[in-house]
Amino acid sequence: MKKIGIISKSGRPEPVEILKDFLPWLESRGLEVFPDTESASSLNVKGYSRSEIPGLADMVVVLGGDGTMLNVARLVCERGIPILGVNLGGLGFITEVGRAELFDAMEKTLRGEFTIEERLMLSAGIQRHGERITEYTVLNDVVVNKGALARIIDLETYVNKTYVTTYKADGLIVSTPTGSTAYSLSAGGPVLYPTLHCIILTPICPHTLTNRPTVLPDDVLVEIVLKSMSEDVFLTLDGQVGFSLRKDDVVEVKRSPFKTRLLIPFERDYFHILRTKLKWGER
């Protein structure tokens, strides 16, 4: 890999501090480096817009937290570019390399001593009056939920055109295994091993307490029909992109043809990550 894109968490000083040493280090090894515009401007070097970087780089180094990783995953997935995530945030489930490990991780990567872990992504579209009005790709989850002041909503749900139930709830989460440790977990969903080929349906505060999370194969089509009149219901993608829904809108969710490719330079133990991040075993 000779062309390295770098995308950093916006508005934080840590990436700039790291890049003061990291950029010269990469260039001394004969690599072409494409830092994002914001980081580059702080260092008085040439920068590139985030939308440009996928067309220039062989891999992307992300300096930030899981939120930055989710954004970059959606940005580069169509090109299949591998991502090395460096955790400058909090939990860091998908930014597994620590700041102190960056140079060692990059050395191993340049020697070819790494694996690529592919993660399932979802495609979410909205049908309104029979017309498909928008479509998104996500790594973590697709969420239909009500605003702060809206009443409980009715979500008529189908799997492969077969009626499942009408959830009376605050909302419904459709999650990937990667997203199982995000919003779905907070709503009572199960933790899934991240490379499984599954989709989770997790109702948010359901009125019927027996409406429990359901794990489905990843080759199904999930359709969610908003049956409530409320004007305060939203589709949220990876917790970062929002779209207002109307009565009788149909949210269609299925496996995306694209995958997130995570570059793993060190041996990893997912259960160690769970113990560390979720404080398992602590009193």
Protein backbone atom coordinates (compact mmCIF):
# COMPACT_ATOMS: atom_id res chain seq x y z
CA MET A 1 0.00 0.00 0.00
CA LYS A 2 1.65 3.19 -1.22
CA LYS A 3 -1.15 5.75 -1.00
CA ILE A 4 -2.42 6.55 2.48
CA GLY A 5 -5.52 8.63 3.14
CA ILE A 6 -5.91 10.17 6.60
CA ILE A 7 -9.26 11.31 7.99
CA SER A 8 -9.42 12.79 11.47
CA LYS A 9 -12.13 13.61 13.97
CA SER A 10 -13.13 17.22 13.47
CA GLY A 11 -12.51 19.86 16.10
CA ARG A 12 -10.03 17.89 18.20
CA PRO A 13 -6.35 18.78 18.83
CA GLU A 14 -5.09 15.18 19.20
CA PRO A 15 -5.07 14.30 15.47
CA VAL A 16 -2.98 17.36 14.64
CA GLU A 17 -0.49 16.47 17.38
CA ILE A 18 -0.19 12.94 16.00
CA LEU A 19 0.15 14.06 12.39
CA LYS A 20 3.09 16.34 13.19
CA ASP A 21 5.17 13.17 13.56
CA PHE A 22 3.11 10.71 11.52
CA LEU A 23 3.09 12.58 8.19
CA PRO A 24 6.91 12.94 7.99
CA TRP A 25 7.25 9.32 9.11
CA LEU A 26 5.04 8.12 6.24
CA GLU A 27 6.70 10.36 3.66
CA SER A 28 10.18 9.17 4.73
CA ARG A 29 9.10 5.70 3.62
CA GLY A 30 8.24 6.90 0.13
CA LEU A 31 4.46 6.89 0.66
CA GLU A 32 1.97 9.33 -0.84
CA VAL A 33 -0.16 10.82 1.90
CA PHE A 34 -3.60 12.45 1.51
CA PRO A 35 -4.70 14.12 4.77
CA ASP A 36 -8.16 15.64 5.06
CA THR A 37 -8.45 19.39 4.59
CA GLU A 38 -9.12 20.32 8.22
CA SER A 39 -6.08 18.50 9.60
CA ALA A 40 -3.86 19.65 6.76
CA SER A 41 -4.75 23.32 7.22
CA SER A 42 -3.57 23.18 10.84
CA LEU A 43 -0.19 21.85 9.65
CA ASN A 44 0.17 24.10 6.59
CA VAL A 45 0.33 21.15 4.20
CA LYS A 46 -1.84 20.29 1.21
CA GLY A 47 -5.18 18.81 2.16
CA TYR A 48 -7.98 16.96 0.38
CA SER A 49 -11.71 16.92 0.90
CA ARG A 50 -13.11 13.77 2.47
CA SER A 51 -15.00 13.00 -0.72
CA GLU A 52 -11.75 13.09 -2.72
CA ILE A 53 -9.74 10.75 -0.53
CA PRO A 54 -11.44 7.42 -1.48
CA GLY A 55 -10.46 8.01 -5.12
CA LEU A 56 -6.82 8.67 -4.22
CA ALA A 57 -5.88 6.23 -1.47
CA ASP A 58 -5.14 2.49 -1.17
CA MET A 59 -6.12 2.56 2.50
CA VAL A 60 -7.46 5.09 4.98
CA VAL A 61 -6.17 5.75 8.49
CA VAL A 62 -8.90 7.13 10.75
CA LEU A 63 -7.86 9.18 13.78
CA GLY A 64 -10.91 9.47 16.01
CA GLY A 65 -13.62 7.40 17.62
CA ASP A 66 -16.31 5.03 16.41
CA GLY A 67 -18.39 7.95 15.12
CA THR A 68 -15.62 9.00 12.75
CA MET A 69 -15.17 5.36 11.70
CA LEU A 70 -18.87 5.03 10.87
CA ASN A 71 -18.69 8.15 8.71
CA VAL A 72 -15.59 6.89 6.86
CA ALA A 73 -17.06 3.40 6.44
CA ARG A 74 -19.99 4.86 4.52
CA LEU A 75 -17.62 7.10 2.56
CA VAL A 76 -15.26 4.38 1.25
CA CYS A 77 -17.41 1.22 1.15
CA GLU A 78 -18.20 1.36 -2.56
CA ARG A 79 -14.48 1.23 -3.37
CA GLY A 80 -13.69 -1.54 -0.87
CA ILE A 81 -10.81 0.45 0.66
CA PRO A 82 -9.48 -1.01 3.95
CA ILE A 83 -9.66 1.19 7.05
CA LEU A 84 -7.21 1.31 9.97
CA GLY A 85 -8.97 2.83 12.97
CA VAL A 86 -6.96 4.60 15.69
CA ASN A 87 -9.01 5.21 18.82
CA LEU A 88 -8.98 8.77 20.14
CA GLY A 89 -12.53 8.53 21.45
CA GLY A 90 -14.30 6.68 24.23
CA LEU A 91 -15.41 3.06 23.85
CA GLY A 92 -13.81 2.39 20.47
CA PHE A 93 -15.34 -0.93 19.41
CA ILE A 94 -14.26 -0.53 15.77
CA THR A 95 -11.27 1.78 16.32
CA GLU A 96 -9.20 -0.93 17.92
CA VAL A 97 -5.66 0.46 17.59
CA GLY A 98 -4.61 2.72 20.45
CA ARG A 99 -2.77 5.98 19.89
CA ALA A 100 0.49 4.53 21.29
CA GLU A 101 0.25 1.58 18.87
CA LEU A 102 -0.11 3.63 15.67
CA PHE A 103 3.48 3.47 14.42
CA ASP A 104 3.85 -0.25 15.21
CA ALA A 105 0.52 -0.93 13.51
CA MET A 106 1.60 0.98 10.42
CA GLU A 107 4.98 -0.81 10.29
CA LYS A 108 3.21 -4.16 10.32
CA THR A 109 0.76 -2.96 7.68
CA LEU A 110 3.56 -1.85 5.35
CA ARG A 111 5.20 -5.27 5.76
CA GLY A 112 1.93 -6.94 4.84
CA GLU A 113 1.45 -8.39 8.30
CA PHE A 114 -2.26 -7.81 8.70
CA THR A 115 -5.64 -9.35 8.09
CA ILE A 116 -8.76 -7.79 6.58
CA GLU A 117 -11.99 -8.30 8.50
CA GLU A 118 -15.14 -7.73 6.46
CA ARG A 119 -18.23 -6.39 8.21
CA LEU A 120 -21.82 -6.60 7.00
CA MET A 121 -23.46 -3.32 5.98
CA LEU A 122 -27.15 -2.55 5.42
CA SER A 123 -28.94 -0.74 2.65
CA ALA A 124 -31.96 1.33 3.74
CA GLY A 125 -34.45 2.92 1.38
CA ILE A 126 -37.73 4.82 1.80
CA GLN A 127 -40.80 4.21 -0.35
CA ARG A 128 -43.36 7.04 -0.36
CA HIS A 129 -46.56 6.70 -2.43
CA GLY A 130 -44.88 3.87 -4.37
CA GLU A 131 -41.80 5.95 -5.22
CA ARG A 132 -38.33 5.28 -3.80
CA ILE A 133 -37.25 8.70 -2.56
CA THR A 134 -33.88 8.02 -0.94
CA GLU A 135 -31.37 5.29 -0.07
CA TYR A 136 -28.52 4.97 2.42
CA THR A 137 -25.78 2.50 3.35
CA VAL A 138 -24.93 1.98 7.03
CA LEU A 139 -22.51 -0.05 9.13
CA ASN A 140 -24.22 0.00 12.53
CA ASP A 141 -27.97 0.44 12.37
CA VAL A 142 -31.14 1.78 10.82
CA VAL A 143 -33.52 3.23 13.41
CA VAL A 144 -37.14 4.38 13.19
CA ASN A 145 -37.95 6.38 16.29
CA LYS A 146 -40.24 9.05 17.62
CA GLY A 147 -39.24 12.53 18.70
CA ALA A 148 -39.13 13.60 22.32
CA LEU A 149 -42.75 14.78 22.46
CA ALA A 150 -44.37 12.22 20.13
CA ARG A 151 -46.66 9.50 21.42
CA ILE A 152 -45.97 5.80 21.03
CA ILE A 153 -45.87 4.86 17.32
CA ASP A 154 -47.22 1.90 15.33
CA LEU A 155 -44.72 0.15 13.07
CA GLU A 156 -46.18 -2.56 10.84
CA THR A 157 -43.29 -4.92 10.12
CA TYR A 158 -42.71 -7.57 7.44
CA VAL A 159 -39.86 -9.99 6.75
CA ASN A 160 -39.68 -11.23 3.15
CA LYS A 161 -43.24 -9.92 2.64
CA THR A 162 -44.54 -12.00 5.56
CA TYR A 163 -46.28 -10.03 8.30
CA VAL A 164 -44.41 -10.20 11.62
CA THR A 165 -46.29 -7.82 13.94
CA THR A 166 -47.20 -4.19 14.45
CA TYR A 167 -44.80 -2.90 17.05
CA LYS A 168 -46.35 -0.35 19.40
CA ALA A 169 -43.19 1.21 20.71
CA ASP A 170 -40.93 4.24 20.84
CA GLY A 171 -39.21 2.85 17.77
CA LEU A 172 -37.47 -0.07 16.09
CA ILE A 173 -33.76 -0.74 15.49
CA VAL A 174 -32.49 -2.83 12.59
CA SER A 175 -28.88 -3.59 13.44
CA THR A 176 -25.85 -5.36 12.01
CA PRO A 177 -23.61 -7.51 14.24
CA THR A 178 -21.17 -4.58 14.34
CA GLY A 179 -24.01 -2.39 15.61
CA SER A 180 -25.13 -4.94 18.19
CA THR A 181 -22.94 -3.21 20.81
CA ALA A 182 -24.38 0.23 19.99
CA TYR A 183 -28.01 1.45 20.29
CA SER A 184 -29.42 -2.07 20.02
CA LEU A 185 -27.52 -3.16 23.14
CA SER A 186 -28.90 -0.18 25.08
CA ALA A 187 -32.41 -1.23 24.04
CA GLY A 188 -31.91 -4.79 25.32
CA GLY A 189 -30.60 -6.46 22.16
CA PRO A 190 -28.07 -9.31 22.13
CA VAL A 191 -24.33 -8.99 21.52
CA LEU A 192 -23.44 -10.72 18.25
CA TYR A 193 -19.96 -11.71 17.12
CA PRO A 194 -19.13 -9.00 14.57
CA THR A 195 -18.44 -11.24 11.57
CA LEU A 196 -21.75 -13.15 11.77
CA HIS A 197 -24.18 -12.90 8.86
CA CYS A 198 -27.24 -11.77 10.80
CA ILE A 199 -29.61 -8.83 11.26
CA ILE A 200 -31.19 -7.89 14.60
CA LEU A 201 -34.67 -6.38 15.07
CA THR A 202 -34.80 -4.62 18.44
CA PRO A 203 -37.95 -2.75 19.52
CA ILE A 204 -37.39 0.36 21.64
CA CYS A 205 -39.52 0.39 24.83
CA PRO A 206 -42.31 -1.77 23.33
CA HIS A 207 -45.80 -1.47 24.82
CA THR A 208 -46.10 -5.26 24.65
CA LEU A 209 -43.29 -6.56 26.85
CA THR A 210 -43.15 -9.88 24.99
CA ASN A 211 -41.98 -8.05 21.85
CA ARG A 212 -38.37 -9.12 22.28
CA PRO A 213 -35.31 -8.65 20.00
CA THR A 214 -35.22 -11.06 17.05
CA VAL A 215 -32.18 -12.30 15.13
CA LEU A 216 -32.69 -12.90 11.41
CA PRO A 217 -30.49 -14.20 8.59
CA ASP A 218 -28.84 -11.45 6.55
CA ASP A 219 -30.50 -12.39 3.26
CA VAL A 220 -33.98 -11.17 4.25
CA LEU A 221 -35.85 -8.01 3.31
CA VAL A 222 -37.23 -6.10 6.31
CA GLU A 223 -40.07 -3.65 5.63
CA ILE A 224 -41.32 -1.22 8.28
CA VAL A 225 -44.52 0.74 7.58
CA LEU A 226 -45.23 3.78 9.70
CA LYS A 227 -48.95 3.59 10.57
CA SER A 228 -49.10 6.55 12.97
CA MET A 229 -50.13 10.08 12.07
CA SER A 230 -47.33 11.68 14.09
CA GLU A 231 -45.21 14.27 12.28
CA ASP A 232 -42.35 13.72 14.71
CA VAL A 233 -40.95 10.36 13.54
CA PHE A 234 -37.51 9.96 12.03
CA LEU A 235 -35.31 7.48 10.24
CA THR A 236 -31.80 7.67 11.70
CA LEU A 237 -28.78 6.09 9.98
CA ASP A 238 -25.76 5.12 12.11
CA GLY A 239 -26.91 7.77 14.58
CA GLN A 240 -25.52 10.43 12.22
CA VAL A 241 -27.95 10.99 9.35
CA GLY A 242 -31.65 11.71 9.85
CA PHE A 243 -34.72 11.75 7.62
CA SER A 244 -38.26 12.74 8.57
CA LEU A 245 -40.94 10.10 7.95
CA ARG A 246 -44.65 10.43 7.13
CA LYS A 247 -47.61 8.13 7.69
CA ASP A 248 -47.55 5.07 5.36
CA ASP A 249 -43.88 5.55 4.45
CA VAL A 250 -42.18 2.18 3.99
CA VAL A 251 -38.62 1.74 5.23
CA GLU A 252 -36.93 -1.13 3.37
CA VAL A 253 -33.79 -2.62 4.90
CA LYS A 254 -31.63 -5.37 3.42
CA ARG A 255 -28.03 -6.49 3.20
CA SER A 256 -25.87 -4.03 1.27
CA PRO A 257 -23.72 -5.27 -1.63
CA PHE A 258 -20.87 -3.34 0.04
CA LYS A 259 -18.86 -4.29 3.12
CA THR A 260 -16.69 -2.39 5.53
CA ARG A 261 -13.13 -3.75 5.37
CA LEU A 262 -11.27 -3.27 8.66
CA LEU A 263 -7.50 -3.59 8.59
CA ILE A 264 -6.33 -5.62 11.61
CA PRO A 265 -2.54 -5.42 12.20
CA PHE A 266 -2.50 -7.18 15.59
CA GLU A 267 -3.98 -10.42 16.84
CA ARG A 268 -7.35 -9.56 18.29
CA ASP A 269 -9.51 -11.10 21.00
CA TYR A 270 -13.10 -9.90 20.67
CA PHE A 271 -14.00 -11.16 24.13
CA HIS A 272 -11.16 -9.14 25.63
CA ILE A 273 -12.65 -6.11 23.87
CA LEU A 274 -16.07 -6.88 25.40
CA ARG A 275 -14.59 -7.35 28.88
CA THR A 276 -12.64 -4.12 28.59
CA LYS A 277 -15.23 -1.88 26.94
CA LEU A 278 -18.34 -3.20 28.71
CA LYS A 279 -16.65 -3.79 32.09
CA TRP A 280 -17.68 -7.45 32.20
CA GLY A 281 -16.62 -9.20 35.38
CA GLU A 282 -16.31 -5.96 37.39
CA ARG A 283 -18.32 -5.29 40.51
